[in-house]
Amino acid sequence: RFTMEFDHLKLHPDIQYLPYPFDFTRVPLKRRKTTEKLRVGHSPTK
């Protein structure tokens, strides 16, 4: 059993943690400066 959620390690006695396999090819963009102000972002799904 493998999990990608750290808290799952407490929910099952025999499970191993795996880092999320991140697909670098989905993020081809470089950072883009579009404003003089410093911009703080937040992107909620829920």
All heavy atoms as atom14 arrays in JSON, in Angstrom:
{
  "sequence": "RFTMEFDHLKLHPDIQYLPYPFDFTRVPLKRRKTTEKLRVGHSPTK",
  "atom14_mask": [
    [1, 1, 1, 1, 1, 1, 1, 1, 1, 1, 1, 0, 0, 0],
    [1, 1, 1, 1, 1, 1, 1, 1, 1, 1, 1, 0, 0, 0],
    [1, 1, 1, 1, 1, 1, 1, 0, 0, 0, 0, 0, 0, 0],
    [1, 1, 1, 1, 1, 1, 1, 1, 0, 0, 0, 0, 0, 0],
    [1, 1, 1, 1, 1, 1, 1, 1, 1, 0, 0, 0, 0, 0],
    [1, 1, 1, 1, 1, 1, 1, 1, 1, 1, 1, 0, 0, 0],
    [1, 1, 1, 1, 1, 1, 1, 1, 0, 0, 0, 0, 0, 0],
    [1, 1, 1, 1, 1, 1, 1, 1, 1, 1, 0, 0, 0, 0],
    [1, 1, 1, 1, 1, 1, 1, 1, 0, 0, 0, 0, 0, 0],
    [1, 1, 1, 1, 1, 1, 1, 1, 1, 0, 0, 0, 0, 0],
    [1, 1, 1, 1, 1, 1, 1, 1, 0, 0, 0, 0, 0, 0],
    [1, 1, 1, 1, 1, 1, 1, 1, 1, 1, 0, 0, 0, 0],
    [1, 1, 1, 1, 1, 1, 1, 0, 0, 0, 0, 0, 0, 0],
    [1, 1, 1, 1, 1, 1, 1, 1, 0, 0, 0, 0, 0, 0],
    [1, 1, 1, 1, 1, 1, 1, 1, 0, 0, 0, 0, 0, 0],
    [1, 1, 1, 1, 1, 1, 1, 1, 1, 0, 0, 0, 0, 0],
    [1, 1, 1, 1, 1, 1, 1, 1, 1, 1, 1, 1, 0, 0],
    [1, 1, 1, 1, 1, 1, 1, 1, 0, 0, 0, 0, 0, 0],
    [1, 1, 1, 1, 1, 1, 1, 0, 0, 0, 0, 0, 0, 0],
    [1, 1, 1, 1, 1, 1, 1, 1, 1, 1, 1, 1, 0, 0],
    [1, 1, 1, 1, 1, 1, 1, 0, 0, 0, 0, 0, 0, 0],
    [1, 1, 1, 1, 1, 1, 1, 1, 1, 1, 1, 0, 0, 0],
    [1, 1, 1, 1, 1, 1, 1, 1, 0, 0, 0, 0, 0, 0],
    [1, 1, 1, 1, 1, 1, 1, 1, 1, 1, 1, 0, 0, 0],
    [1, 1, 1, 1, 1, 1, 1, 0, 0, 0, 0, 0, 0, 0],
    [1, 1, 1, 1, 1, 1, 1, 1, 1, 1, 1, 0, 0, 0],
    [1, 1, 1, 1, 1, 1, 1, 0, 0, 0, 0, 0, 0, 0],
    [1, 1, 1, 1, 1, 1, 1, 0, 0, 0, 0, 0, 0, 0],
    [1, 1, 1, 1, 1, 1, 1, 1, 0, 0, 0, 0, 0, 0],
    [1, 1, 1, 1, 1, 1, 1, 1, 1, 0, 0, 0, 0, 0],
    [1, 1, 1, 1, 1, 1, 1, 1, 1, 1, 1, 0, 0, 0],
    [1, 1, 1, 1, 1, 1, 1, 1, 1, 1, 1, 0, 0, 0],
    [1, 1, 1, 1, 1, 1, 1, 1, 1, 0, 0, 0, 0, 0],
    [1, 1, 1, 1, 1, 1, 1, 0, 0, 0, 0, 0, 0, 0],
    [1, 1, 1, 1, 1, 1, 1, 0, 0, 0, 0, 0, 0, 0],
    [1, 1, 1, 1, 1, 1, 1, 1, 1, 0, 0, 0, 0, 0],
    [1, 1, 1, 1, 1, 1, 1, 1, 1, 0, 0, 0, 0, 0],
    [1, 1, 1, 1, 1, 1, 1, 1, 0, 0, 0, 0, 0, 0],
    [1, 1, 1, 1, 1, 1, 1, 1, 1, 1, 1, 0, 0, 0],
    [1, 1, 1, 1, 1, 1, 1, 0, 0, 0, 0, 0, 0, 0],
    [1, 1, 1, 1, 0, 0, 0, 0, 0, 0, 0, 0, 0, 0],
    [1, 1, 1, 1, 1, 1, 1, 1, 1, 1, 0, 0, 0, 0],
    [1, 1, 1, 1, 1, 1, 0, 0, 0, 0, 0, 0, 0, 0],
    [1, 1, 1, 1, 1, 1, 1, 0, 0, 0, 0, 0, 0, 0],
    [1, 1, 1, 1, 1, 1, 1, 0, 0, 0, 0, 0, 0, 0],
    [1, 1, 1, 1, 1, 1, 1, 1, 1, 0, 0, 0, 0, 0]
  ],
  "atom14_positions": [
    [[0.85, -1.19, 0.0], [0.0, 0.0, 0.0], [0.88, 1.23, 0.0], [1.85, 1.31, 0.76], [-0.91, 0.02, 1.24], [-1.83, -1.18, 1.35], [-2.43, -1.29, 2.73], [-3.04, -2.6, 2.93], [-2.37, -3.68, 3.28], [-1.07, -3.6, 3.49], [-2.98, -4.83, 3.43], [0.0, 0.0, 0.0], [0.0, 0.0, 0.0], [0.0, 0.0, 0.0]],
    [[0.53, 2.2, -0.84], [1.25, 3.46, -0.91], [0.26, 4.6, -0.75], [-0.92, 4.48, -1.09], [1.97, 3.61, -2.26], [2.98, 2.53, -2.54], [2.67, 1.47, -3.39], [4.24, 2.56, -1.96], [3.59, 0.47, -3.65], [5.18, 1.57, -2.21], [4.85, 0.53, -3.06], [0.0, 0.0, 0.0], [0.0, 0.0, 0.0], [0.0, 0.0, 0.0]],
    [[0.75, 5.72, -0.25], [-0.09, 6.91, -0.14], [0.71, 8.15, -0.49], [1.93, 8.18, -0.32], [-0.67, 7.07, 1.27], [-1.49, 8.25, 1.31], [0.43, 7.22, 2.31], [0.0, 0.0, 0.0], [0.0, 0.0, 0.0], [0.0, 0.0, 0.0], [0.0, 0.0, 0.0], [0.0, 0.0, 0.0], [0.0, 0.0, 0.0], [0.0, 0.0, 0.0]],
    [[0.04, 9.17, -0.97], [0.65, 10.46, -1.24], [0.17, 11.52, -0.25], [0.35, 12.71, -0.47], [0.36, 10.88, -2.68], [1.0, 9.94, -3.68], [0.54, 10.26, -5.38], [1.21, 8.79, -6.16], [0.0, 0.0, 0.0], [0.0, 0.0, 0.0], [0.0, 0.0, 0.0], [0.0, 0.0, 0.0], [0.0, 0.0, 0.0], [0.0, 0.0, 0.0]],
    [[-0.45, 11.06, 0.83], [-0.97, 11.96, 1.87], [-0.33, 11.57, 3.2], [-0.48, 10.45, 3.68], [-2.49, 11.83, 1.98], [-3.23, 12.04, 0.67], [-3.28, 13.5, 0.25], [-2.99, 14.37, 1.1], [-3.6, 13.76, -0.91], [0.0, 0.0, 0.0], [0.0, 0.0, 0.0], [0.0, 0.0, 0.0], [0.0, 0.0, 0.0], [0.0, 0.0, 0.0]],
    [[0.38, 12.52, 3.81], [1.14, 12.21, 5.02], [0.24, 11.73, 6.15], [0.59, 10.8, 6.89], [1.92, 13.45, 5.47], [2.72, 13.23, 6.72], [3.85, 12.44, 6.71], [2.33, 13.82, 7.92], [4.6, 12.23, 7.87], [3.06, 13.62, 9.07], [4.2, 12.82, 9.05], [0.0, 0.0, 0.0], [0.0, 0.0, 0.0], [0.0, 0.0, 0.0]],
    [[-0.94, 12.33, 6.31], [-1.8, 11.94, 7.43], [-2.34, 10.52, 7.29], [-2.77, 9.92, 8.26], [-2.96, 12.94, 7.59], [-3.95, 12.88, 6.44], [-3.55, 13.22, 5.31], [-5.11, 12.5, 6.67], [0.0, 0.0, 0.0], [0.0, 0.0, 0.0], [0.0, 0.0, 0.0], [0.0, 0.0, 0.0], [0.0, 0.0, 0.0], [0.0, 0.0, 0.0]],
    [[-2.29, 9.96, 6.06], [-2.73, 8.58, 5.87], [-1.87, 7.59, 6.64], [-2.31, 6.47, 6.93], [-2.69, 8.21, 4.38], [-3.8, 8.79, 3.58], [-3.93, 8.56, 2.22], [-4.83, 9.6, 3.93], [-4.99, 9.21, 1.77], [-5.56, 9.85, 2.79], [0.0, 0.0, 0.0], [0.0, 0.0, 0.0], [0.0, 0.0, 0.0], [0.0, 0.0, 0.0]],
    [[-0.64, 7.97, 6.94], [0.26, 7.07, 7.66], [-0.3, 6.7, 9.03], [0.04, 5.66, 9.6], [1.65, 7.7, 7.82], [2.4, 8.01, 6.51], [3.76, 8.63, 6.82], [2.58, 6.75, 5.65], [0.0, 0.0, 0.0], [0.0, 0.0, 0.0], [0.0, 0.0, 0.0], [0.0, 0.0, 0.0], [0.0, 0.0, 0.0], [0.0, 0.0, 0.0]],
    [[-1.17, 7.57, 9.57], [-1.8, 7.28, 10.85], [-3.12, 6.54, 10.71], [-3.71, 6.12, 11.71], [-2.04, 8.59, 11.61], [-0.76, 9.29, 12.05], [-1.08, 10.53, 12.88], [0.17, 11.2, 13.39], [-0.13, 12.42, 14.21], [0.0, 0.0, 0.0], [0.0, 0.0, 0.0], [0.0, 0.0, 0.0], [0.0, 0.0, 0.0], [0.0, 0.0, 0.0]],
    [[-3.59, 6.41, 9.47], [-4.9, 5.8, 9.25], [-4.82, 4.33, 8.86], [-5.85, 3.66, 8.8], [-5.65, 6.58, 8.15], [-5.91, 8.06, 8.44], [-6.64, 8.71, 7.27], [-6.7, 8.23, 9.73], [0.0, 0.0, 0.0], [0.0, 0.0, 0.0], [0.0, 0.0, 0.0], [0.0, 0.0, 0.0], [0.0, 0.0, 0.0], [0.0, 0.0, 0.0]],
    [[-3.61, 3.86, 8.57], [-3.44, 2.45, 8.22], [-2.11, 1.97, 8.8], [-1.1, 2.67, 8.7], [-3.45, 2.25, 6.7], [-3.68, 0.83, 6.29], [-2.72, -0.15, 6.45], [-4.75, 0.21, 5.73], [-3.19, -1.31, 6.01], [-4.43, -1.12, 5.58], [0.0, 0.0, 0.0], [0.0, 0.0, 0.0], [0.0, 0.0, 0.0], [0.0, 0.0, 0.0]],
    [[-2.08, 0.79, 9.4], [-0.85, 0.33, 10.06], [0.25, -0.12, 9.09], [1.39, -0.28, 9.5], [-1.33, -0.85, 10.91], [-2.54, -1.37, 10.18], [-3.2, -0.14, 9.6], [0.0, 0.0, 0.0], [0.0, 0.0, 0.0], [0.0, 0.0, 0.0], [0.0, 0.0, 0.0], [0.0, 0.0, 0.0], [0.0, 0.0, 0.0], [0.0, 0.0, 0.0]],
    [[-0.09, -0.33, 7.83], [0.9, -0.86, 6.89], [0.8, -0.12, 5.55], [0.24, -0.63, 4.58], [0.67, -2.36, 6.69], [1.74, -3.0, 5.82], [2.81, -2.39, 5.63], [1.5, -4.12, 5.3], [0.0, 0.0, 0.0], [0.0, 0.0, 0.0], [0.0, 0.0, 0.0], [0.0, 0.0, 0.0], [0.0, 0.0, 0.0], [0.0, 0.0, 0.0]],
    [[1.32, 1.09, 5.52], [1.23, 1.9, 4.31], [2.49, 2.76, 4.21], [3.06, 3.17, 5.22], [-0.05, 2.79, 4.35], [-0.36, 3.37, 2.98], [0.06, 3.87, 5.4], [-1.76, 3.99, 2.9], [0.0, 0.0, 0.0], [0.0, 0.0, 0.0], [0.0, 0.0, 0.0], [0.0, 0.0, 0.0], [0.0, 0.0, 0.0], [0.0, 0.0, 0.0]],
    [[2.96, 2.98, 2.99], [4.2, 3.72, 2.76], [3.91, 5.03, 2.02], [3.07, 5.07, 1.13], [5.17, 2.88, 1.93], [5.55, 1.56, 2.57], [6.51, 0.78, 1.71], [7.59, 1.25, 1.37], [6.1, -0.43, 1.32], [0.0, 0.0, 0.0], [0.0, 0.0, 0.0], [0.0, 0.0, 0.0], [0.0, 0.0, 0.0], [0.0, 0.0, 0.0]],
    [[4.67, 6.05, 2.38], [4.49, 7.37, 1.79], [5.28, 7.5, 0.49], [6.44, 7.09, 0.4], [4.94, 8.46, 2.76], [4.8, 9.87, 2.23], [3.57, 10.52, 2.25], [5.9, 10.54, 1.69], [3.43, 11.8, 1.76], [5.77, 11.83, 1.2], [4.54, 12.45, 1.24], [4.4, 13.73, 0.74], [0.0, 0.0, 0.0], [0.0, 0.0, 0.0]],
    [[4.63, 8.09, -0.52], [5.28, 8.43, -1.78], [5.1, 9.92, -2.05], [3.99, 10.43, -1.94], [4.65, 7.66, -2.96], [4.87, 6.16, -3.08], [4.05, 5.62, -4.26], [6.34, 5.83, -3.26], [0.0, 0.0, 0.0], [0.0, 0.0, 0.0], [0.0, 0.0, 0.0], [0.0, 0.0, 0.0], [0.0, 0.0, 0.0], [0.0, 0.0, 0.0]],
    [[6.16, 10.65, -2.43], [5.97, 12.02, -2.87], [5.11, 12.02, -4.14], [5.18, 11.09, -4.96], [7.4, 12.5, -3.18], [8.29, 11.57, -2.42], [7.58, 10.25, -2.41], [0.0, 0.0, 0.0], [0.0, 0.0, 0.0], [0.0, 0.0, 0.0], [0.0, 0.0, 0.0], [0.0, 0.0, 0.0], [0.0, 0.0, 0.0], [0.0, 0.0, 0.0]],
    [[4.32, 13.05, -4.29], [3.49, 13.18, -5.49], [4.4, 13.28, -6.72], [5.3, 14.12, -6.77], [2.62, 14.43, -5.38], [1.73, 14.67, -6.57], [0.52, 14.0, -6.68], [2.1, 15.55, -7.58], [-0.32, 14.22, -7.77], [1.28, 15.77, -8.67], [0.08, 15.1, -8.76], [-0.74, 15.32, -9.84], [0.0, 0.0, 0.0], [0.0, 0.0, 0.0]],
    [[4.19, 12.43, -7.74], [5.03, 12.49, -8.95], [4.63, 13.68, -9.82], [3.67, 13.63, -10.56], [4.74, 11.15, -9.65], [3.37, 10.76, -9.18], [3.22, 11.32, -7.8], [0.0, 0.0, 0.0], [0.0, 0.0, 0.0], [0.0, 0.0, 0.0], [0.0, 0.0, 0.0], [0.0, 0.0, 0.0], [0.0, 0.0, 0.0], [0.0, 0.0, 0.0]],
    [[5.4, 14.74, -9.72], [5.05, 16.01, -10.35], [5.51, 16.04, -11.8], [6.69, 15.81, -12.11], [5.68, 17.16, -9.58], [5.26, 18.52, -10.08], [3.97, 18.99, -9.88], [6.16, 19.33, -10.76], [3.58, 20.23, -10.34], [5.78, 20.58, -11.22], [4.49, 21.03, -11.01], [0.0, 0.0, 0.0], [0.0, 0.0, 0.0], [0.0, 0.0, 0.0]],
    [[4.59, 16.34, -12.7], [4.88, 16.38, -14.14], [5.41, 17.76, -14.51], [4.66, 18.71, -14.68], [3.6, 16.06, -14.93], [3.84, 16.01, -16.44], [5.0, 16.19, -16.87], [2.86, 15.78, -17.18], [0.0, 0.0, 0.0], [0.0, 0.0, 0.0], [0.0, 0.0, 0.0], [0.0, 0.0, 0.0], [0.0, 0.0, 0.0], [0.0, 0.0, 0.0]],
    [[6.72, 17.88, -14.64], [7.34, 19.16, -14.95], [6.91, 19.71, -16.3], [6.88, 20.93, -16.51], [8.87, 19.05, -14.94], [9.42, 18.31, -13.76], [10.19, 17.17, -13.93], [9.15, 18.74, -12.47], [10.7, 16.48, -12.85], [9.65, 18.06, -11.37], [10.44, 16.91, -11.56], [0.0, 0.0, 0.0], [0.0, 0.0, 0.0], [0.0, 0.0, 0.0]],
    [[6.57, 18.82, -17.23], [6.24, 19.27, -18.59], [4.95, 20.06, -18.62], [4.66, 20.74, -19.61], [6.13, 18.07, -19.54], [5.04, 17.22, -19.12], [7.42, 17.26, -19.55], [0.0, 0.0, 0.0], [0.0, 0.0, 0.0], [0.0, 0.0, 0.0], [0.0, 0.0, 0.0], [0.0, 0.0, 0.0], [0.0, 0.0, 0.0], [0.0, 0.0, 0.0]],
    [[4.15, 19.99, -17.55], [2.89, 20.74, -17.51], [3.12, 22.2, -17.13], [2.2, 23.0, -17.17], [1.92, 20.09, -16.53], [1.52, 18.67, -16.88], [0.47, 18.16, -15.94], [-0.81, 18.83, -16.14], [-1.85, 18.71, -15.33], [-1.76, 17.98, -14.24], [-2.98, 19.34, -15.59], [0.0, 0.0, 0.0], [0.0, 0.0, 0.0], [0.0, 0.0, 0.0]],
    [[4.34, 22.53, -16.71], [4.61, 23.89, -16.26], [5.76, 24.47, -17.1], [6.87, 24.67, -16.62], [5.0, 23.91, -14.77], [4.99, 25.34, -14.23], [4.03, 23.06, -13.96], [0.0, 0.0, 0.0], [0.0, 0.0, 0.0], [0.0, 0.0, 0.0], [0.0, 0.0, 0.0], [0.0, 0.0, 0.0], [0.0, 0.0, 0.0], [0.0, 0.0, 0.0]],
    [[5.5, 24.73, -18.38], [6.57, 25.22, -19.26], [6.83, 26.72, -19.13], [7.79, 27.23, -19.67], [6.03, 24.9, -20.65], [4.54, 25.04, -20.5], [4.24, 24.55, -19.11], [0.0, 0.0, 0.0], [0.0, 0.0, 0.0], [0.0, 0.0, 0.0], [0.0, 0.0, 0.0], [0.0, 0.0, 0.0], [0.0, 0.0, 0.0], [0.0, 0.0, 0.0]],
    [[5.93, 27.41, -18.45], [6.02, 28.86, -18.41], [7.13, 29.35, -17.49], [7.48, 28.71, -16.51], [4.69, 29.45, -17.91], [3.46, 29.16, -18.78], [2.22, 29.68, -18.08], [3.6, 29.82, -20.13], [0.0, 0.0, 0.0], [0.0, 0.0, 0.0], [0.0, 0.0, 0.0], [0.0, 0.0, 0.0], [0.0, 0.0, 0.0], [0.0, 0.0, 0.0]],
    [[7.66, 30.5, -17.83], [8.56, 31.21, -16.93], [7.74, 32.26, -16.19], [6.67, 32.66, -16.63], [9.7, 31.86, -17.71], [10.62, 30.87, -18.4], [11.75, 31.6, -19.11], [12.68, 30.6, -19.8], [13.79, 31.28, -20.52], [0.0, 0.0, 0.0], [0.0, 0.0, 0.0], [0.0, 0.0, 0.0], [0.0, 0.0, 0.0], [0.0, 0.0, 0.0]],
    [[8.26, 32.74, -15.08], [7.55, 33.78, -14.35], [7.45, 35.04, -15.19], [8.37, 35.41, -15.91], [8.27, 34.08, -13.04], [8.14, 32.95, -12.03], [8.94, 33.25, -10.78], [8.46, 34.44, -10.12], [9.06, 34.97, -9.06], [10.15, 34.42, -8.58], [8.57, 36.06, -8.5], [0.0, 0.0, 0.0], [0.0, 0.0, 0.0], [0.0, 0.0, 0.0]],
    [[6.29, 35.67, -15.1], [6.03, 36.87, -15.9], [5.71, 38.04, -14.98], [4.77, 37.98, -14.2], [4.87, 36.63, -16.86], [5.24, 35.7, -18.01], [3.97, 35.21, -18.7], [4.24, 34.65, -20.0], [4.77, 33.46, -20.2], [5.11, 32.72, -19.17], [4.97, 32.99, -21.43], [0.0, 0.0, 0.0], [0.0, 0.0, 0.0], [0.0, 0.0, 0.0]],
    [[6.5, 39.08, -15.06], [6.25, 40.28, -14.26], [5.31, 41.19, -15.02], [5.62, 41.66, -16.12], [7.57, 41.01, -13.97], [7.43, 42.18, -13.01], [6.99, 41.72, -11.63], [6.89, 42.9, -10.66], [6.32, 42.52, -9.37], [0.0, 0.0, 0.0], [0.0, 0.0, 0.0], [0.0, 0.0, 0.0], [0.0, 0.0, 0.0], [0.0, 0.0, 0.0]],
    [[4.11, 41.43, -14.47], [3.11, 42.2, -15.2], [2.7, 43.47, -14.47], [1.88, 44.23, -14.97], [1.84, 41.34, -15.42], [1.33, 40.94, -14.15], [2.16, 40.1, -16.24], [0.0, 0.0, 0.0], [0.0, 0.0, 0.0], [0.0, 0.0, 0.0], [0.0, 0.0, 0.0], [0.0, 0.0, 0.0], [0.0, 0.0, 0.0], [0.0, 0.0, 0.0]],
    [[3.26, 43.71, -13.29], [2.83, 44.87, -12.51], [3.98, 45.37, -11.66], [4.88, 44.6, -11.3], [1.63, 44.51, -11.61], [1.31, 45.63, -10.8], [1.93, 43.32, -10.74], [0.0, 0.0, 0.0], [0.0, 0.0, 0.0], [0.0, 0.0, 0.0], [0.0, 0.0, 0.0], [0.0, 0.0, 0.0], [0.0, 0.0, 0.0], [0.0, 0.0, 0.0]],
    [[3.95, 46.64, -11.32], [4.98, 47.21, -10.45], [4.78, 46.76, -9.0], [5.73, 46.64, -8.24], [4.94, 48.74, -10.52], [5.38, 49.3, -11.86], [6.81, 48.91, -12.2], [7.67, 48.98, -11.3], [7.06, 48.51, -13.36], [0.0, 0.0, 0.0], [0.0, 0.0, 0.0], [0.0, 0.0, 0.0], [0.0, 0.0, 0.0], [0.0, 0.0, 0.0]],
    [[3.54, 46.51, -8.64], [3.26, 46.06, -7.28], [3.67, 44.6, -7.11], [3.71, 43.83, -8.07], [1.77, 46.22, -6.97], [1.3, 47.65, -6.89], [-0.16, 47.73, -6.45], [-0.62, 49.17, -6.29], [-2.0, 49.24, -5.8], [0.0, 0.0, 0.0], [0.0, 0.0, 0.0], [0.0, 0.0, 0.0], [0.0, 0.0, 0.0], [0.0, 0.0, 0.0]],
    [[3.97, 44.23, -5.88], [4.26, 42.84, -5.57], [2.93, 42.09, -5.48], [2.02, 42.5, -4.76], [5.02, 42.74, -4.26], [6.46, 43.29, -4.3], [7.03, 43.37, -2.9], [7.34, 42.42, -5.18], [0.0, 0.0, 0.0], [0.0, 0.0, 0.0], [0.0, 0.0, 0.0], [0.0, 0.0, 0.0], [0.0, 0.0, 0.0], [0.0, 0.0, 0.0]],
    [[2.84, 41.02, -6.21], [1.56, 40.29, -6.32], [1.6, 39.01, -5.49], [2.49, 38.17, -5.65], [1.27, 39.97, -7.77], [0.01, 39.15, -7.99], [-0.29, 38.97, -9.46], [-0.82, 40.21, -10.04], [-1.15, 40.33, -11.33], [-0.97, 39.32, -12.17], [-1.63, 41.47, -11.78], [0.0, 0.0, 0.0], [0.0, 0.0, 0.0], [0.0, 0.0, 0.0]],
    [[0.6, 38.86, -4.62], [0.42, 37.65, -3.81], [-0.73, 36.86, -4.4], [-1.84, 37.39, -4.55], [0.13, 38.0, -2.34], [-0.05, 36.73, -1.52], [1.24, 38.86, -1.75], [0.0, 0.0, 0.0], [0.0, 0.0, 0.0], [0.0, 0.0, 0.0], [0.0, 0.0, 0.0], [0.0, 0.0, 0.0], [0.0, 0.0, 0.0], [0.0, 0.0, 0.0]],
    [[-0.49, 35.59, -4.74], [-1.52, 34.76, -5.35], [-2.0, 33.65, -4.43], [-1.31, 33.24, -3.5], [0.0, 0.0, 0.0], [0.0, 0.0, 0.0], [0.0, 0.0, 0.0], [0.0, 0.0, 0.0], [0.0, 0.0, 0.0], [0.0, 0.0, 0.0], [0.0, 0.0, 0.0], [0.0, 0.0, 0.0], [0.0, 0.0, 0.0], [0.0, 0.0, 0.0]],
    [[-3.21, 33.19, -4.73], [-3.8, 32.07, -4.01], [-4.79, 31.41, -4.95], [-5.59, 32.1, -5.61], [-4.5, 32.55, -2.74], [-5.24, 31.47, -1.99], [-4.6, 30.39, -1.42], [-6.56, 31.32, -1.7], [-5.49, 29.62, -0.82], [-6.69, 30.17, -0.98], [0.0, 0.0, 0.0], [0.0, 0.0, 0.0], [0.0, 0.0, 0.0], [0.0, 0.0, 0.0]],
    [[-4.76, 30.07, -5.04], [-5.59, 29.38, -6.03], [-6.32, 28.2, -5.4], [-5.82, 27.06, -5.42], [-4.7, 28.89, -7.19], [-5.47, 28.21, -8.16], [0.0, 0.0, 0.0], [0.0, 0.0, 0.0], [0.0, 0.0, 0.0], [0.0, 0.0, 0.0], [0.0, 0.0, 0.0], [0.0, 0.0, 0.0], [0.0, 0.0, 0.0], [0.0, 0.0, 0.0]],
    [[-7.5, 28.42, -4.83], [-8.22, 27.32, -4.18], [-9.03, 26.48, -5.16], [-9.67, 27.0, -6.07], [-9.15, 28.06, -3.22], [-9.45, 29.34, -3.92], [-8.19, 29.71, -4.67], [0.0, 0.0, 0.0], [0.0, 0.0, 0.0], [0.0, 0.0, 0.0], [0.0, 0.0, 0.0], [0.0, 0.0, 0.0], [0.0, 0.0, 0.0], [0.0, 0.0, 0.0]],
    [[-8.98, 25.17, -4.96], [-9.92, 24.29, -5.65], [-11.21, 24.23, -4.83], [-12.3, 24.4, -5.34], [-9.32, 22.89, -5.83], [-8.68, 22.49, -4.61], [-8.27, 22.89, -6.93], [0.0, 0.0, 0.0], [0.0, 0.0, 0.0], [0.0, 0.0, 0.0], [0.0, 0.0, 0.0], [0.0, 0.0, 0.0], [0.0, 0.0, 0.0], [0.0, 0.0, 0.0]],
    [[-11.04, 23.98, -3.52], [-12.16, 24.07, -2.58], [-11.74, 25.03, -1.48], [-10.77, 24.79, -0.77], [-12.47, 22.69, -1.98], [-13.02, 21.7, -2.99], [-13.36, 20.39, -2.3], [-13.94, 19.38, -3.29], [-14.25, 18.08, -2.63], [0.0, 0.0, 0.0], [0.0, 0.0, 0.0], [0.0, 0.0, 0.0], [0.0, 0.0, 0.0], [0.0, 0.0, 0.0]]
  ]
}
